[in-house]
Amino acid sequence: MRDASMSSHPLSRGERWLASCLVAAIVGAILLPPIAQSPAYHAFADQRTLLGIPYAADVLSSVAFAIVGGAAIAGLARVGRARHDRVSEACLWSLAVALASTGIGSVVYHLDPRDATLVADRLPMSLAFASVLAMAVAQRISARAGGVALAVLPPLAMASVLHWHATGNLAPYAIVQYGAALGIVAIVAATPRRGDPFPWPWIVAGYALAKACEAGDAWIHASTGGIVAGHALKHFAAAAAGAAALLPAWRTVSREA
């Protein structure tokens, strides 16, 4: 007799596509030539010290992540807030913890920017990327696929950081970061909204702005006469993207009958 549990719940087209993309990403991480971390990555434009804090602008702006993550944790624990499906709830908690941890890790890194401390920054960031991607999967493909994504993607994402730290090969982490961003855009663009509570255009726009500010670190610093550099602005834009993704954590359940 055939297994009814397998035959009655076949994979949907979206789930098959997702599985194919995951396999392709893993194969790409294995086959891509090694990418080394450039030493110039740590040479941030704004190197001012304030109140004894080195790289003060980058250190202090990192606190934005901790504020957003901490506020989201408080919001998620609040009585009377609107609840979502189990997978989306788990994704929200995972992202909130990831952002709060990113705030700590980013401070640690920017106080002493080098590869050894960058691990503390990238580990929670990789968890954040994976959590947001799992949210998109849960909302736009299926709760079943989202649950699998949340179970599989965070360990793989954080393993990519540990792999870079152990081998110097940045390729798997690059696939995690840019693959997650492209995956979110592709999923959202290809699927209907279906009452999705997450403001995906704002999330994507915030991330894109953060990457633009990061790339324009020195240019922004020079253009503003040294008032602010791109990397500090990157922190604010990325924290804003995280806040947009966590908006459901602060929604209150309707009191209308």
Protein backbone atom coordinates (compact mmCIF):
# COMPACT_ATOMS: atom_id res chain seq x y z
CA MET A 1 0.00 0.00 0.00
CA ARG A 2 1.32 3.47 -0.91
CA ASP A 3 2.32 5.94 1.80
CA ALA A 4 -0.68 8.28 1.96
CA SER A 5 1.29 11.04 3.73
CA MET A 6 3.65 11.32 0.78
CA SER A 7 1.05 11.00 -1.98
CA SER A 8 -1.47 13.42 -0.47
CA HIS A 9 1.00 16.30 -0.02
CA PRO A 10 3.18 16.51 -3.14
CA LEU A 11 5.58 19.41 -3.51
CA SER A 12 4.08 22.46 -5.17
CA ARG A 13 5.79 24.13 -8.13
CA GLY A 14 7.06 26.88 -5.82
CA GLU A 15 8.46 24.34 -3.37
CA ARG A 16 10.22 22.44 -6.17
CA TRP A 17 11.67 25.72 -7.45
CA LEU A 18 12.88 26.60 -3.97
CA ALA A 19 14.53 23.21 -3.51
CA SER A 20 16.26 23.57 -6.88
CA CYS A 21 17.58 27.02 -5.95
CA LEU A 22 18.89 25.74 -2.63
CA VAL A 23 20.72 22.86 -4.32
CA ALA A 24 22.13 25.28 -6.92
CA ALA A 25 23.35 27.63 -4.17
CA ILE A 26 25.08 24.79 -2.31
CA VAL A 27 26.71 23.53 -5.51
CA GLY A 28 27.78 27.09 -6.34
CA ALA A 29 29.33 27.51 -2.90
CA ILE A 30 31.34 24.34 -3.47
CA LEU A 31 32.39 24.97 -7.06
CA LEU A 32 33.00 28.72 -7.07
CA PRO A 33 36.70 29.67 -6.98
CA PRO A 34 37.80 30.96 -3.56
CA ILE A 35 37.24 34.63 -2.83
CA ALA A 36 39.61 36.28 -0.35
CA GLN A 37 38.59 39.02 2.04
CA SER A 38 40.27 42.23 0.91
CA PRO A 39 42.35 43.90 3.65
CA ALA A 40 40.98 47.21 2.35
CA TYR A 41 37.53 46.18 3.62
CA HIS A 42 38.52 47.31 7.11
CA ALA A 43 39.78 50.73 5.98
CA PHE A 44 36.68 52.78 6.76
CA ALA A 45 36.59 56.41 5.75
CA ASP A 46 35.52 57.88 9.09
CA GLN A 47 38.25 57.04 11.62
CA ARG A 48 37.48 59.74 14.18
CA THR A 49 37.68 59.02 17.89
CA LEU A 50 34.98 60.45 20.16
CA LEU A 51 35.03 60.25 23.96
CA GLY A 52 37.76 57.66 23.69
CA ILE A 53 35.74 55.49 21.28
CA PRO A 54 37.72 54.62 18.13
CA TYR A 55 35.80 54.66 14.85
CA ALA A 56 33.08 56.32 16.91
CA ALA A 57 30.55 56.94 14.11
CA ASP A 58 30.58 53.32 12.99
CA VAL A 59 30.54 52.00 16.56
CA LEU A 60 27.71 54.23 17.77
CA SER A 61 25.58 53.75 14.64
CA SER A 62 25.81 49.99 15.20
CA VAL A 63 23.59 50.45 18.26
CA ALA A 64 20.67 51.03 15.86
CA PHE A 65 20.55 47.27 15.26
CA ALA A 66 20.36 46.52 18.98
CA ILE A 67 17.60 49.10 19.44
CA VAL A 68 15.48 47.66 16.63
CA GLY A 69 16.10 44.07 17.70
CA GLY A 70 15.45 44.79 21.37
CA ALA A 71 12.27 46.73 20.61
CA ALA A 72 11.06 43.88 18.40
CA ILE A 73 11.70 41.31 21.13
CA ALA A 74 9.68 43.46 23.54
CA GLY A 75 6.94 43.81 20.91
CA LEU A 76 6.82 40.08 20.25
CA ALA A 77 6.50 39.37 23.98
CA ARG A 78 3.71 41.93 24.37
CA VAL A 79 0.23 40.77 25.36
CA GLY A 80 -2.47 41.86 22.93
CA ARG A 81 -0.40 42.05 19.77
CA ALA A 82 -1.59 40.50 16.53
CA ARG A 83 -0.44 36.91 16.09
CA HIS A 84 0.57 35.23 12.84
CA ASP A 85 1.07 31.65 11.71
CA ARG A 86 3.63 29.61 13.66
CA VAL A 87 6.34 29.78 11.00
CA SER A 88 6.08 33.55 10.57
CA GLU A 89 6.16 33.97 14.34
CA ALA A 90 9.34 31.88 14.51
CA CYS A 91 10.88 33.94 11.70
CA LEU A 92 10.06 37.17 13.53
CA TRP A 93 11.69 35.92 16.73
CA SER A 94 14.74 34.69 14.80
CA LEU A 95 15.16 38.05 13.05
CA ALA A 96 14.65 40.05 16.24
CA VAL A 97 17.32 38.04 18.07
CA ALA A 98 19.60 38.28 15.03
CA LEU A 99 19.34 42.07 14.87
CA ALA A 100 19.89 42.51 18.60
CA SER A 101 22.96 40.28 18.32
CA THR A 102 24.14 42.14 15.22
CA GLY A 103 24.18 45.34 17.25
CA ILE A 104 26.55 43.73 19.75
CA GLY A 105 28.67 42.04 17.09
CA SER A 106 28.95 45.20 15.01
CA VAL A 107 30.15 47.20 18.02
CA VAL A 108 32.75 44.52 18.78
CA TYR A 109 33.97 44.58 15.19
CA HIS A 110 34.07 48.34 14.69
CA LEU A 111 35.99 48.94 17.91
CA ASP A 112 38.80 46.85 16.37
CA PRO A 113 38.09 46.24 12.67
CA ARG A 114 39.90 43.11 11.43
CA ASP A 115 38.99 39.65 10.18
CA ALA A 116 39.03 38.08 13.66
CA THR A 117 36.42 40.48 15.02
CA LEU A 118 34.41 40.56 11.79
CA VAL A 119 33.19 37.06 12.62
CA ALA A 120 31.19 38.49 15.55
CA ASP A 121 29.47 40.86 13.11
CA ARG A 122 28.80 38.42 10.28
CA LEU A 123 27.45 35.50 12.29
CA PRO A 124 24.28 37.29 13.47
CA MET A 125 23.98 39.11 10.12
CA SER A 126 23.90 35.77 8.33
CA LEU A 127 21.12 34.66 10.68
CA ALA A 128 19.20 37.84 9.81
CA PHE A 129 19.50 37.20 6.05
CA ALA A 130 18.30 33.62 6.48
CA SER A 131 15.40 34.66 8.72
CA VAL A 132 14.08 37.25 6.27
CA LEU A 133 14.36 34.81 3.36
CA ALA A 134 12.47 32.19 5.38
CA MET A 135 9.77 34.82 6.03
CA ALA A 136 9.37 35.39 2.30
CA VAL A 137 9.18 31.65 1.68
CA ALA A 138 6.55 31.16 4.40
CA GLN A 139 4.38 34.04 3.20
CA ARG A 140 4.69 33.64 -0.56
CA ILE A 141 5.33 29.92 -1.18
CA SER A 142 3.94 27.89 1.74
CA ALA A 143 4.14 27.57 5.51
CA ARG A 144 5.56 24.08 5.04
CA ALA A 145 8.40 25.38 2.87
CA GLY A 146 8.94 28.29 5.26
CA GLY A 147 9.35 25.92 8.18
CA VAL A 148 11.92 23.88 6.30
CA ALA A 149 13.69 27.06 5.21
CA LEU A 150 13.89 28.34 8.78
CA ALA A 151 15.30 25.01 9.94
CA VAL A 152 17.86 24.70 7.14
CA LEU A 153 18.94 28.20 6.08
CA PRO A 154 20.19 29.70 9.38
CA PRO A 155 22.65 26.84 10.09
CA LEU A 156 23.92 26.95 6.51
CA ALA A 157 24.23 30.75 6.60
CA MET A 158 26.20 30.78 9.85
CA ALA A 159 28.32 27.86 8.64
CA SER A 160 29.36 29.99 5.66
CA VAL A 161 30.80 32.57 8.07
CA LEU A 162 32.67 29.91 10.04
CA HIS A 163 33.93 28.45 6.77
CA TRP A 164 35.32 31.84 5.74
CA HIS A 165 36.93 32.27 9.16
CA ALA A 166 38.59 28.85 8.95
CA THR A 167 39.65 28.86 5.29
CA GLY A 168 39.69 32.50 4.15
CA ASN A 169 37.21 31.66 1.38
CA LEU A 170 34.45 34.26 1.29
CA ALA A 171 32.49 32.69 -1.60
CA PRO A 172 29.89 30.77 0.47
CA TYR A 173 29.12 33.83 2.59
CA ALA A 174 28.77 35.97 -0.55
CA ILE A 175 26.23 33.47 -1.87
CA VAL A 176 24.34 33.66 1.44
CA GLN A 177 24.15 37.46 1.46
CA TYR A 178 23.48 38.18 -2.20
CA GLY A 179 21.59 34.96 -2.80
CA ALA A 180 19.19 35.78 0.03
CA ALA A 181 18.58 39.27 -1.37
CA LEU A 182 18.00 37.98 -4.90
CA GLY A 183 15.84 35.17 -3.59
CA ILE A 184 13.58 37.57 -1.70
CA VAL A 185 13.19 39.84 -4.73
CA ALA A 186 12.44 36.86 -7.01
CA ILE A 187 9.91 35.32 -4.62
CA VAL A 188 8.07 38.57 -3.97
CA ALA A 189 8.03 39.54 -7.65
CA ALA A 190 6.79 36.15 -8.82
CA THR A 191 4.02 35.55 -6.28
CA PRO A 192 0.78 37.33 -5.34
CA ARG A 193 0.48 39.17 -2.04
CA ARG A 194 -2.22 36.99 -0.42
CA GLY A 195 -2.53 39.20 2.67
CA ASP A 196 1.21 39.20 3.35
CA PRO A 197 1.79 41.44 6.42
CA PHE A 198 5.42 42.20 5.54
CA PRO A 199 6.21 45.43 3.61
CA TRP A 200 8.62 43.83 1.14
CA PRO A 201 9.27 46.92 -1.05
CA TRP A 202 10.50 48.83 2.03
CA ILE A 203 12.60 45.89 3.18
CA VAL A 204 14.27 45.55 -0.22
CA ALA A 205 14.71 49.32 -0.59
CA GLY A 206 16.35 49.57 2.83
CA TYR A 207 18.78 46.78 2.01
CA ALA A 208 19.62 48.29 -1.40
CA LEU A 209 20.24 51.69 0.21
CA ALA A 210 22.47 50.07 2.83
CA LYS A 211 24.61 48.43 0.14
CA ALA A 212 24.82 51.71 -1.79
CA CYS A 213 25.97 53.57 1.32
CA GLU A 214 28.53 50.87 2.05
CA ALA A 215 29.94 51.09 -1.47
CA GLY A 216 29.99 54.90 -1.29
CA ASP A 217 31.63 55.09 2.15
CA ALA A 218 34.58 57.26 1.14
CA TRP A 219 32.64 59.28 -1.46
CA ILE A 220 29.93 60.23 1.04
CA HIS A 221 32.60 61.12 3.60
CA ALA A 222 34.34 63.42 1.12
CA SER A 223 31.08 64.89 -0.20
CA THR A 224 29.87 65.86 3.27
CA GLY A 225 33.18 67.40 4.24
CA GLY A 226 33.86 64.62 6.72
CA ILE A 227 30.59 65.09 8.62
CA VAL A 228 29.40 61.55 7.94
CA ALA A 229 30.59 58.56 5.95
CA GLY A 230 28.68 55.90 4.06
CA HIS A 231 29.34 53.06 6.47
CA ALA A 232 27.53 54.71 9.38
CA LEU A 233 24.60 55.48 7.07
CA LYS A 234 24.67 51.84 5.98
CA HIS A 235 23.99 50.81 9.57
CA PHE A 236 20.95 53.08 9.79
CA ALA A 237 19.57 51.93 6.43
CA ALA A 238 20.06 48.25 7.26
CA ALA A 239 18.47 48.73 10.69
CA ALA A 240 15.53 50.46 8.98
CA ALA A 241 15.15 47.48 6.63
CA GLY A 242 15.13 45.21 9.68
CA ALA A 243 12.54 47.41 11.38
CA ALA A 244 10.32 47.18 8.29
CA ALA A 245 10.59 43.38 8.34
CA LEU A 246 9.67 43.39 12.03
CA LEU A 247 6.63 45.69 11.73
CA PRO A 248 4.24 42.77 12.46
CA ALA A 249 5.87 42.52 15.90
CA TRP A 250 4.32 45.85 16.89
CA ARG A 251 0.85 45.45 15.41
CA THR A 252 -1.98 45.33 17.93
CA VAL A 253 -4.89 42.97 17.42
CA SER A 254 -8.06 44.71 16.26
CA ARG A 255 -10.65 45.27 18.99
CA GLU A 256 -13.49 45.42 16.47
CA ALA A 257 -15.99 42.61 16.82
